[in-house]
Amino acid sequence: MVHFFLYDYRFERVWKNPDNDIEKLSRYRAVLSPDFSMYLEMAPVMQLYNVFRNRWCGAYWASKGSGHSDCQLGR
């Protein structure tokens, strides 16, 4: 299983170049979608943007055959 529960800067590359790691990710049975941060003090539009990025990456990988799962922790 691959997860992205790290500091955002460590996995920003999966958003900027989602195709670069498709081959590596396809080797795993499960890939959790990224969890870009949504801090309470963030502007609501930035929180929505990060939700979009989380879900877009997961949906894109799923469309490419990666074993994707969406797992987000509550606040």
N, C-alpha and C. Protein backbone atom coordinates (compact mmCIF):
# COMPACT_ATOMS: atom_id res chain seq x y z
N MET A 1 0.85 -1.17 0.00
CA MET A 1 0.00 0.00 0.00
C MET A 1 0.90 1.24 0.00
N VAL A 2 0.50 2.21 -0.78
CA VAL A 2 1.21 3.48 -0.86
C VAL A 2 0.31 4.56 -0.26
N HIS A 3 0.88 5.39 0.58
CA HIS A 3 0.10 6.49 1.16
C HIS A 3 0.85 7.80 0.97
N PHE A 4 0.13 8.88 1.16
CA PHE A 4 0.70 10.22 1.01
C PHE A 4 0.43 11.07 2.25
N PHE A 5 0.49 10.45 3.42
CA PHE A 5 0.28 11.17 4.65
C PHE A 5 1.62 11.72 5.13
N LEU A 6 2.11 12.69 4.40
CA LEU A 6 3.40 13.33 4.62
C LEU A 6 3.21 14.83 4.51
N TYR A 7 4.29 15.56 4.66
CA TYR A 7 4.22 16.99 4.39
C TYR A 7 3.92 17.19 2.91
N ASP A 8 3.08 18.16 2.62
CA ASP A 8 2.62 18.39 1.24
C ASP A 8 3.77 18.52 0.24
N TYR A 9 4.83 19.22 0.62
CA TYR A 9 5.92 19.44 -0.34
C TYR A 9 6.55 18.12 -0.77
N ARG A 10 6.42 17.06 0.02
CA ARG A 10 7.04 15.78 -0.31
C ARG A 10 6.31 15.06 -1.44
N PHE A 11 5.03 15.40 -1.68
CA PHE A 11 4.30 14.73 -2.77
C PHE A 11 3.64 15.70 -3.74
N GLU A 12 4.05 16.95 -3.72
CA GLU A 12 3.55 17.95 -4.67
C GLU A 12 3.77 17.47 -6.12
N ARG A 13 4.82 16.70 -6.33
CA ARG A 13 5.15 16.23 -7.69
C ARG A 13 4.06 15.34 -8.29
N VAL A 14 3.30 14.61 -7.45
CA VAL A 14 2.25 13.76 -8.02
C VAL A 14 1.12 14.61 -8.60
N TRP A 15 0.98 15.83 -8.13
CA TRP A 15 -0.02 16.75 -8.68
C TRP A 15 0.52 17.40 -9.95
N LYS A 16 1.77 17.82 -9.91
CA LYS A 16 2.35 18.54 -11.04
C LYS A 16 2.61 17.63 -12.23
N ASN A 17 2.99 16.38 -11.99
CA ASN A 17 3.30 15.42 -13.06
C ASN A 17 2.73 14.05 -12.71
N PRO A 18 1.41 13.90 -12.81
CA PRO A 18 0.79 12.65 -12.35
C PRO A 18 1.20 11.41 -13.13
N ASP A 19 1.65 11.57 -14.37
CA ASP A 19 2.03 10.41 -15.17
C ASP A 19 3.41 9.86 -14.82
N ASN A 20 4.24 10.66 -14.18
CA ASN A 20 5.60 10.23 -13.91
C ASN A 20 5.69 8.98 -13.04
N ASP A 21 4.77 8.80 -12.12
CA ASP A 21 4.85 7.68 -11.18
C ASP A 21 3.80 6.60 -11.40
N ILE A 22 3.06 6.67 -12.49
CA ILE A 22 2.00 5.68 -12.76
C ILE A 22 2.57 4.26 -12.76
N GLU A 23 3.67 4.06 -13.43
CA GLU A 23 4.25 2.71 -13.51
C GLU A 23 4.64 2.19 -12.12
N LYS A 24 5.27 3.05 -11.34
CA LYS A 24 5.66 2.63 -9.98
C LYS A 24 4.44 2.33 -9.13
N LEU A 25 3.42 3.19 -9.19
CA LEU A 25 2.23 3.01 -8.37
C LEU A 25 1.44 1.78 -8.77
N SER A 26 1.49 1.41 -10.05
CA SER A 26 0.71 0.25 -10.51
C SER A 26 1.25 -1.07 -9.96
N ARG A 27 2.42 -1.06 -9.37
CA ARG A 27 2.99 -2.27 -8.77
C ARG A 27 2.34 -2.63 -7.43
N TYR A 28 1.62 -1.68 -6.85
CA TYR A 28 1.03 -1.89 -5.53
C TYR A 28 -0.44 -2.25 -5.64
N ARG A 29 -0.92 -3.02 -4.68
CA ARG A 29 -2.32 -3.42 -4.67
C ARG A 29 -3.25 -2.26 -4.30
N ALA A 30 -2.74 -1.34 -3.51
CA ALA A 30 -3.56 -0.20 -3.08
C ALA A 30 -2.72 1.07 -3.06
N VAL A 31 -3.33 2.14 -3.54
CA VAL A 31 -2.70 3.46 -3.52
C VAL A 31 -3.73 4.42 -2.93
N LEU A 32 -3.40 5.01 -1.80
CA LEU A 32 -4.30 5.99 -1.20
C LEU A 32 -4.10 7.32 -1.90
N SER A 33 -5.18 8.01 -2.15
CA SER A 33 -5.07 9.30 -2.82
C SER A 33 -4.33 10.29 -1.91
N PRO A 34 -3.70 11.30 -2.51
CA PRO A 34 -2.99 12.29 -1.70
C PRO A 34 -3.93 12.96 -0.70
N ASP A 35 -3.34 13.50 0.32
CA ASP A 35 -4.11 14.20 1.34
C ASP A 35 -3.48 15.58 1.54
N PHE A 36 -3.65 16.43 0.51
CA PHE A 36 -3.13 17.79 0.64
C PHE A 36 -3.82 18.47 1.82
N SER A 37 -3.06 19.23 2.56
CA SER A 37 -3.54 19.81 3.82
C SER A 37 -4.69 20.79 3.64
N MET A 38 -5.56 20.78 4.65
CA MET A 38 -6.66 21.73 4.73
C MET A 38 -6.69 22.27 6.15
N TYR A 39 -5.93 23.31 6.40
CA TYR A 39 -5.84 23.90 7.73
C TYR A 39 -7.04 24.80 8.00
N LEU A 40 -7.44 24.89 9.24
CA LEU A 40 -8.58 25.74 9.60
C LEU A 40 -8.35 27.20 9.24
N GLU A 41 -7.10 27.65 9.33
CA GLU A 41 -6.82 29.07 9.03
C GLU A 41 -6.65 29.33 7.53
N MET A 42 -6.73 28.30 6.72
CA MET A 42 -6.65 28.47 5.26
C MET A 42 -7.92 29.12 4.74
N ALA A 43 -7.78 29.90 3.70
CA ALA A 43 -8.96 30.45 3.03
C ALA A 43 -9.81 29.29 2.51
N PRO A 44 -11.13 29.38 2.62
CA PRO A 44 -12.00 28.29 2.15
C PRO A 44 -11.73 27.89 0.70
N VAL A 45 -11.40 28.85 -0.15
CA VAL A 45 -11.13 28.51 -1.55
C VAL A 45 -9.89 27.62 -1.67
N MET A 46 -8.90 27.83 -0.81
CA MET A 46 -7.70 26.99 -0.83
C MET A 46 -8.00 25.59 -0.30
N GLN A 47 -8.89 25.52 0.68
CA GLN A 47 -9.31 24.20 1.18
C GLN A 47 -10.01 23.42 0.06
N LEU A 48 -10.89 24.10 -0.66
CA LEU A 48 -11.58 23.45 -1.78
C LEU A 48 -10.60 23.03 -2.87
N TYR A 49 -9.63 23.86 -3.14
CA TYR A 49 -8.61 23.54 -4.13
C TYR A 49 -7.85 22.26 -3.73
N ASN A 50 -7.52 22.14 -2.46
CA ASN A 50 -6.80 20.96 -2.01
C ASN A 50 -7.68 19.71 -2.03
N VAL A 51 -8.97 19.86 -1.73
CA VAL A 51 -9.89 18.72 -1.88
C VAL A 51 -9.93 18.29 -3.34
N PHE A 52 -10.03 19.27 -4.24
CA PHE A 52 -10.04 18.97 -5.67
C PHE A 52 -8.78 18.20 -6.07
N ARG A 53 -7.61 18.67 -5.62
CA ARG A 53 -6.35 18.01 -5.98
C ARG A 53 -6.31 16.58 -5.43
N ASN A 54 -6.76 16.39 -4.19
CA ASN A 54 -6.80 15.04 -3.61
C ASN A 54 -7.62 14.10 -4.49
N ARG A 55 -8.81 14.54 -4.80
CA ARG A 55 -9.74 13.69 -5.54
C ARG A 55 -9.36 13.51 -7.00
N TRP A 56 -8.83 14.56 -7.60
CA TRP A 56 -8.43 14.46 -9.00
C TRP A 56 -7.31 13.43 -9.17
N CYS A 57 -6.30 13.49 -8.32
CA CYS A 57 -5.19 12.53 -8.41
C CYS A 57 -5.71 11.11 -8.26
N GLY A 58 -6.56 10.87 -7.26
CA GLY A 58 -7.11 9.53 -7.06
C GLY A 58 -7.92 9.05 -8.25
N ALA A 59 -8.77 9.91 -8.78
CA ALA A 59 -9.59 9.53 -9.94
C ALA A 59 -8.73 9.29 -11.17
N TYR A 60 -7.71 10.10 -11.35
CA TYR A 60 -6.82 9.94 -12.50
C TYR A 60 -6.08 8.61 -12.43
N TRP A 61 -5.53 8.32 -11.24
CA TRP A 61 -4.81 7.05 -11.10
C TRP A 61 -5.75 5.86 -11.31
N ALA A 62 -6.96 5.96 -10.78
CA ALA A 62 -7.94 4.87 -10.97
C ALA A 62 -8.24 4.68 -12.45
N SER A 63 -8.32 5.78 -13.20
CA SER A 63 -8.61 5.66 -14.63
C SER A 63 -7.45 5.01 -15.39
N LYS A 64 -6.27 5.03 -14.79
CA LYS A 64 -5.08 4.43 -15.40
C LYS A 64 -4.83 3.01 -14.88
N GLY A 65 -5.75 2.50 -14.06
CA GLY A 65 -5.65 1.13 -13.59
C GLY A 65 -4.94 0.94 -12.27
N SER A 66 -4.58 2.01 -11.61
CA SER A 66 -3.92 1.88 -10.31
C SER A 66 -4.97 1.53 -9.27
N GLY A 67 -4.63 0.66 -8.33
CA GLY A 67 -5.55 0.28 -7.27
C GLY A 67 -5.73 1.42 -6.30
N HIS A 68 -6.64 2.32 -6.58
CA HIS A 68 -6.79 3.55 -5.83
C HIS A 68 -7.83 3.43 -4.73
N SER A 69 -7.59 4.10 -3.63
CA SER A 69 -8.56 4.23 -2.56
C SER A 69 -8.48 5.64 -2.00
N ASP A 70 -9.62 6.17 -1.63
CA ASP A 70 -9.68 7.51 -1.04
C ASP A 70 -9.85 7.36 0.46
N CYS A 71 -8.91 7.87 1.20
CA CYS A 71 -8.95 7.75 2.66
C CYS A 71 -8.53 9.09 3.25
N GLN A 72 -9.49 9.82 3.77
CA GLN A 72 -9.17 11.11 4.38
C GLN A 72 -9.61 11.09 5.83
N LEU A 73 -8.75 11.63 6.66
CA LEU A 73 -9.04 11.68 8.09
C LEU A 73 -9.83 12.93 8.41
N GLY A 74 -10.74 12.84 9.35
CA GLY A 74 -11.52 14.00 9.77
C GLY A 74 -10.69 14.96 10.60
N ARG A 75 -11.19 16.17 10.75
CA ARG A 75 -10.46 17.17 11.56
C ARG A 75 -10.63 16.89 13.02
